Amino acid sequence: AVEETEPLQMLSNLLQAKAFQTRMEGLALLLDLCKTNPCLISTNIVQIFDAFVLRIGDTRKRVKQQALDVLAEMTGILKDGLNPVIIRLVEGIANNLNSKDSGVYAT
């Protein structure tokens, strides 16, 4: 259990950091964990999405763009593992549909 708690705590800290570069590191870690340990992410998806959904609406467009890119890859990896957070996921995506940034809008 300790092996699982440590990366989740690190992920949460990175995703909620003040520095945008650190938040981007958190997004990269999330994608890496999805690829290497999808069961860990699926099992803890509600806890993870508390921090992740904030990145989908991040004030920095680079962070928001990366979060949406990570989400696209996560969806293919986790599939039904996203079911517990699907409503929050749709809300986060819908909030970006009117984005003035073409990269965010396209993603």
N, C-alpha and C. Protein backbone atom coordinates (compact mmCIF):
# COMPACT_ATOMS: atom_id res chain seq x y z
N ALA A 1 0.82 -1.20 0.00
CA ALA A 1 0.00 0.00 0.00
C ALA A 1 0.87 1.26 0.00
N VAL A 2 2.01 1.21 0.68
CA VAL A 2 2.90 2.37 0.71
C VAL A 2 3.43 2.66 -0.68
N GLU A 3 3.71 1.60 -1.46
CA GLU A 3 4.21 1.79 -2.83
C GLU A 3 3.19 2.54 -3.67
N GLU A 4 1.90 2.37 -3.36
CA GLU A 4 0.86 3.04 -4.13
C GLU A 4 0.59 4.45 -3.62
N THR A 5 0.69 4.65 -2.31
CA THR A 5 0.38 5.95 -1.72
C THR A 5 1.39 7.01 -2.12
N GLU A 6 2.65 6.65 -2.17
CA GLU A 6 3.71 7.61 -2.47
C GLU A 6 3.55 8.27 -3.85
N PRO A 7 3.40 7.49 -4.93
CA PRO A 7 3.24 8.16 -6.23
C PRO A 7 1.94 8.97 -6.32
N LEU A 8 0.90 8.54 -5.65
CA LEU A 8 -0.36 9.29 -5.68
C LEU A 8 -0.22 10.62 -4.95
N GLN A 9 0.50 10.61 -3.83
CA GLN A 9 0.71 11.85 -3.09
C GLN A 9 1.59 12.81 -3.90
N MET A 10 2.63 12.27 -4.53
CA MET A 10 3.50 13.08 -5.37
C MET A 10 2.71 13.68 -6.52
N LEU A 11 1.88 12.85 -7.15
CA LEU A 11 1.05 13.31 -8.27
C LEU A 11 0.14 14.45 -7.83
N SER A 12 -0.52 14.28 -6.71
CA SER A 12 -1.41 15.30 -6.19
C SER A 12 -0.67 16.61 -5.91
N ASN A 13 0.50 16.50 -5.29
CA ASN A 13 1.30 17.69 -4.99
C ASN A 13 1.73 18.41 -6.26
N LEU A 14 2.16 17.66 -7.27
CA LEU A 14 2.58 18.27 -8.53
C LEU A 14 1.42 18.95 -9.25
N LEU A 15 0.27 18.27 -9.30
CA LEU A 15 -0.88 18.82 -10.00
C LEU A 15 -1.44 20.07 -9.34
N GLN A 16 -1.19 20.22 -8.04
CA GLN A 16 -1.74 21.36 -7.31
C GLN A 16 -0.68 22.43 -7.00
N ALA A 17 0.49 22.30 -7.58
CA ALA A 17 1.58 23.24 -7.31
C ALA A 17 1.27 24.64 -7.84
N LYS A 18 1.94 25.62 -7.29
CA LYS A 18 1.75 27.00 -7.75
C LYS A 18 2.44 27.25 -9.08
N ALA A 19 3.63 26.71 -9.26
CA ALA A 19 4.39 26.93 -10.49
C ALA A 19 3.79 26.12 -11.64
N PHE A 20 3.54 26.77 -12.75
CA PHE A 20 2.90 26.06 -13.86
C PHE A 20 3.79 24.95 -14.42
N GLN A 21 5.11 25.13 -14.37
CA GLN A 21 6.01 24.08 -14.86
C GLN A 21 5.86 22.81 -14.01
N THR A 22 5.66 23.00 -12.72
CA THR A 22 5.48 21.86 -11.81
C THR A 22 4.15 21.17 -12.08
N ARG A 23 3.12 21.95 -12.39
CA ARG A 23 1.83 21.35 -12.74
C ARG A 23 1.96 20.53 -14.02
N MET A 24 2.77 21.03 -14.95
CA MET A 24 3.00 20.29 -16.20
C MET A 24 3.76 18.99 -15.92
N GLU A 25 4.69 19.02 -14.98
CA GLU A 25 5.38 17.79 -14.56
C GLU A 25 4.37 16.79 -14.00
N GLY A 26 3.41 17.28 -13.25
CA GLY A 26 2.36 16.43 -12.70
C GLY A 26 1.54 15.76 -13.79
N LEU A 27 1.24 16.51 -14.83
CA LEU A 27 0.49 15.94 -15.96
C LEU A 27 1.30 14.85 -16.66
N ALA A 28 2.60 15.10 -16.82
CA ALA A 28 3.47 14.08 -17.43
C ALA A 28 3.53 12.83 -16.56
N LEU A 29 3.61 13.02 -15.24
CA LEU A 29 3.63 11.87 -14.33
C LEU A 29 2.32 11.11 -14.41
N LEU A 30 1.20 11.82 -14.47
CA LEU A 30 -0.10 11.15 -14.58
C LEU A 30 -0.16 10.28 -15.82
N LEU A 31 0.28 10.81 -16.95
CA LEU A 31 0.26 10.02 -18.18
C LEU A 31 1.19 8.82 -18.05
N ASP A 32 2.36 9.01 -17.48
CA ASP A 32 3.30 7.91 -17.28
C ASP A 32 2.69 6.83 -16.40
N LEU A 33 2.04 7.23 -15.31
CA LEU A 33 1.40 6.25 -14.42
C LEU A 33 0.25 5.53 -15.12
N CYS A 34 -0.47 6.24 -15.98
CA CYS A 34 -1.55 5.60 -16.75
C CYS A 34 -0.98 4.49 -17.63
N LYS A 35 0.17 4.77 -18.23
CA LYS A 35 0.77 3.80 -19.13
C LYS A 35 1.42 2.64 -18.38
N THR A 36 2.07 2.93 -17.25
CA THR A 36 2.81 1.89 -16.53
C THR A 36 2.00 1.16 -15.48
N ASN A 37 0.99 1.83 -14.92
CA ASN A 37 0.19 1.22 -13.86
C ASN A 37 -1.26 1.70 -13.94
N PRO A 38 -1.96 1.33 -15.03
CA PRO A 38 -3.33 1.81 -15.20
C PRO A 38 -4.28 1.39 -14.08
N CYS A 39 -4.00 0.25 -13.46
CA CYS A 39 -4.86 -0.22 -12.37
C CYS A 39 -4.78 0.75 -11.18
N LEU A 40 -3.60 1.24 -10.88
CA LEU A 40 -3.43 2.20 -9.79
C LEU A 40 -4.26 3.46 -10.06
N ILE A 41 -4.20 3.94 -11.28
CA ILE A 41 -4.94 5.15 -11.64
C ILE A 41 -6.45 4.88 -11.62
N SER A 42 -6.89 3.78 -12.19
CA SER A 42 -8.32 3.45 -12.21
C SER A 42 -8.88 3.30 -10.80
N THR A 43 -8.12 2.65 -9.93
CA THR A 43 -8.57 2.42 -8.56
C THR A 43 -8.71 3.73 -7.79
N ASN A 44 -7.88 4.71 -8.11
CA ASN A 44 -7.85 5.97 -7.37
C ASN A 44 -8.32 7.15 -8.22
N ILE A 45 -9.12 6.89 -9.23
CA ILE A 45 -9.48 7.90 -10.22
C ILE A 45 -10.22 9.09 -9.60
N VAL A 46 -11.09 8.86 -8.63
CA VAL A 46 -11.84 9.97 -8.03
C VAL A 46 -10.89 10.91 -7.30
N GLN A 47 -9.99 10.36 -6.52
CA GLN A 47 -9.00 11.15 -5.80
C GLN A 47 -8.11 11.92 -6.78
N ILE A 48 -7.67 11.28 -7.82
CA ILE A 48 -6.78 11.90 -8.81
C ILE A 48 -7.51 13.03 -9.54
N PHE A 49 -8.77 12.81 -9.87
CA PHE A 49 -9.50 13.81 -10.65
C PHE A 49 -9.81 15.06 -9.86
N ASP A 50 -9.78 14.99 -8.53
CA ASP A 50 -9.95 16.21 -7.74
C ASP A 50 -8.89 17.24 -8.13
N ALA A 51 -7.68 16.79 -8.35
CA ALA A 51 -6.59 17.69 -8.75
C ALA A 51 -6.52 17.85 -10.26
N PHE A 52 -6.76 16.78 -11.02
CA PHE A 52 -6.61 16.83 -12.47
C PHE A 52 -7.63 17.74 -13.14
N VAL A 53 -8.86 17.71 -12.69
CA VAL A 53 -9.91 18.51 -13.33
C VAL A 53 -9.59 20.00 -13.24
N LEU A 54 -8.85 20.40 -12.22
CA LEU A 54 -8.43 21.80 -12.11
C LEU A 54 -7.46 22.17 -13.24
N ARG A 55 -6.68 21.22 -13.69
CA ARG A 55 -5.71 21.48 -14.76
C ARG A 55 -6.40 21.62 -16.10
N ILE A 56 -7.53 20.97 -16.28
CA ILE A 56 -8.30 21.12 -17.52
C ILE A 56 -8.79 22.56 -17.66
N GLY A 57 -9.02 23.21 -16.54
CA GLY A 57 -9.46 24.60 -16.56
C GLY A 57 -8.37 25.56 -16.10
N ASP A 58 -7.12 25.15 -16.19
CA ASP A 58 -6.00 25.95 -15.71
C ASP A 58 -5.96 27.32 -16.39
N THR A 59 -5.47 28.32 -15.67
CA THR A 59 -5.37 29.66 -16.24
C THR A 59 -4.24 29.78 -17.25
N ARG A 60 -3.25 28.91 -17.16
CA ARG A 60 -2.14 28.90 -18.13
C ARG A 60 -2.54 28.01 -19.30
N LYS A 61 -2.53 28.58 -20.50
CA LYS A 61 -3.00 27.81 -21.65
C LYS A 61 -2.11 26.61 -21.95
N ARG A 62 -0.80 26.70 -21.67
CA ARG A 62 0.09 25.55 -21.90
C ARG A 62 -0.29 24.38 -21.00
N VAL A 63 -0.63 24.67 -19.75
CA VAL A 63 -1.04 23.62 -18.82
C VAL A 63 -2.37 23.02 -19.27
N LYS A 64 -3.30 23.89 -19.63
CA LYS A 64 -4.62 23.43 -20.08
C LYS A 64 -4.49 22.55 -21.32
N GLN A 65 -3.66 22.98 -22.27
CA GLN A 65 -3.44 22.21 -23.50
C GLN A 65 -2.86 20.84 -23.18
N GLN A 66 -1.85 20.81 -22.31
CA GLN A 66 -1.24 19.54 -21.95
C GLN A 66 -2.24 18.65 -21.21
N ALA A 67 -3.05 19.24 -20.34
CA ALA A 67 -4.05 18.45 -19.61
C ALA A 67 -5.04 17.81 -20.57
N LEU A 68 -5.46 18.56 -21.57
CA LEU A 68 -6.40 18.00 -22.55
C LEU A 68 -5.75 16.91 -23.39
N ASP A 69 -4.47 17.10 -23.73
CA ASP A 69 -3.74 16.06 -24.46
C ASP A 69 -3.60 14.79 -23.62
N VAL A 70 -3.26 14.97 -22.35
CA VAL A 70 -3.14 13.82 -21.43
C VAL A 70 -4.49 13.12 -21.31
N LEU A 71 -5.53 13.90 -21.19
CA LEU A 71 -6.88 13.33 -21.08
C LEU A 71 -7.22 12.48 -22.29
N ALA A 72 -6.87 12.96 -23.47
CA ALA A 72 -7.15 12.20 -24.69
C ALA A 72 -6.44 10.84 -24.65
N GLU A 73 -5.19 10.83 -24.21
CA GLU A 73 -4.46 9.56 -24.12
C GLU A 73 -5.00 8.69 -23.00
N MET A 74 -5.32 9.31 -21.86
CA MET A 74 -5.86 8.56 -20.72
C MET A 74 -7.15 7.83 -21.10
N THR A 75 -7.98 8.50 -21.87
CA THR A 75 -9.27 7.92 -22.25
C THR A 75 -9.07 6.61 -22.99
N GLY A 76 -8.09 6.57 -23.88
CA GLY A 76 -7.80 5.35 -24.61
C GLY A 76 -7.22 4.25 -23.74
N ILE A 77 -6.49 4.64 -22.72
CA ILE A 77 -5.84 3.66 -21.84
C ILE A 77 -6.82 3.14 -20.79
N LEU A 78 -7.53 4.05 -20.12
CA LEU A 78 -8.35 3.66 -18.97
C LEU A 78 -9.76 3.22 -19.34
N LYS A 79 -10.29 3.69 -20.44
CA LYS A 79 -11.63 3.36 -20.93
C LYS A 79 -12.66 3.39 -19.81
N ASP A 80 -13.20 2.24 -19.42
CA ASP A 80 -14.25 2.18 -18.40
C ASP A 80 -13.78 2.62 -17.02
N GLY A 81 -12.48 2.69 -16.82
CA GLY A 81 -11.94 3.15 -15.54
C GLY A 81 -12.28 4.60 -15.26
N LEU A 82 -12.69 5.33 -16.29
CA LEU A 82 -13.08 6.73 -16.13
C LEU A 82 -14.54 6.91 -15.75
N ASN A 83 -15.31 5.83 -15.73
CA ASN A 83 -16.74 5.93 -15.45
C ASN A 83 -17.09 6.72 -14.19
N PRO A 84 -16.37 6.52 -13.07
CA PRO A 84 -16.75 7.27 -11.84
C PRO A 84 -16.59 8.78 -11.96
N VAL A 85 -15.84 9.26 -12.94
CA VAL A 85 -15.60 10.70 -13.05
C VAL A 85 -16.09 11.28 -14.37
N ILE A 86 -16.88 10.53 -15.10
CA ILE A 86 -17.27 10.93 -16.45
C ILE A 86 -18.04 12.25 -16.46
N ILE A 87 -18.89 12.49 -15.49
CA ILE A 87 -19.66 13.74 -15.47
C ILE A 87 -18.73 14.93 -15.26
N ARG A 88 -17.80 14.83 -14.32
CA ARG A 88 -16.84 15.91 -14.09
C ARG A 88 -15.95 16.10 -15.30
N LEU A 89 -15.66 15.01 -15.97
CA LEU A 89 -14.83 15.06 -17.17
C LEU A 89 -15.53 15.83 -18.27
N VAL A 90 -16.78 15.53 -18.50
CA VAL A 90 -17.56 16.22 -19.53
C VAL A 90 -17.69 17.71 -19.20
N GLU A 91 -17.92 18.02 -17.92
CA GLU A 91 -18.02 19.42 -17.52
C GLU A 91 -16.72 20.16 -17.80
N GLY A 92 -15.59 19.54 -17.47
CA GLY A 92 -14.29 20.16 -17.70
C GLY A 92 -14.03 20.40 -19.18
N ILE A 93 -14.39 19.44 -20.00
CA ILE A 93 -14.20 19.57 -21.45
C ILE A 93 -15.13 20.63 -22.01
N ALA A 94 -16.38 20.61 -21.58
CA ALA A 94 -17.37 21.57 -22.08
C ALA A 94 -16.96 23.01 -21.79
N ASN A 95 -16.31 23.22 -20.67
CA ASN A 95 -15.87 24.57 -20.32
C ASN A 95 -14.81 25.10 -21.28
N ASN A 96 -14.17 24.21 -22.02
CA ASN A 96 -13.14 24.62 -22.97
C ASN A 96 -13.66 24.78 -24.40
N LEU A 97 -14.90 24.47 -24.64
CA LEU A 97 -15.43 24.53 -26.00
C LEU A 97 -15.48 25.95 -26.55
N ASN A 98 -15.55 26.93 -25.68
CA ASN A 98 -15.59 28.33 -26.14
C ASN A 98 -14.24 29.01 -26.03
N SER A 99 -13.19 28.22 -25.89
CA SER A 99 -11.85 28.79 -25.73
C SER A 99 -11.46 29.61 -26.95
N LYS A 100 -10.86 30.75 -26.69
CA LYS A 100 -10.37 31.61 -27.77
C LYS A 100 -9.05 31.09 -28.33
N ASP A 101 -8.37 30.22 -27.56
CA ASP A 101 -7.11 29.66 -28.00
C ASP A 101 -7.39 28.50 -28.96
N SER A 102 -6.88 28.59 -30.17
CA SER A 102 -7.18 27.58 -31.19
C SER A 102 -6.65 26.20 -30.81
N GLY A 103 -5.51 26.14 -30.13
CA GLY A 103 -4.95 24.85 -29.71
C GLY A 103 -5.84 24.16 -28.68
N VAL A 104 -6.31 24.92 -27.71
CA VAL A 104 -7.20 24.37 -26.68
C VAL A 104 -8.51 23.96 -27.31
N TYR A 105 -9.07 24.82 -28.15
CA TYR A 105 -10.35 24.52 -28.80
C TYR A 105 -10.24 23.26 -29.65
N ALA A 106 -9.16 23.13 -30.41
CA ALA A 106 -8.99 21.97 -31.28
C ALA A 106 -8.86 20.67 -30.50
N THR A 107 -8.17 20.72 -29.38
CA THR A 107 -8.00 19.53 -28.55
C THR A 107 -9.32 19.12 -27.98
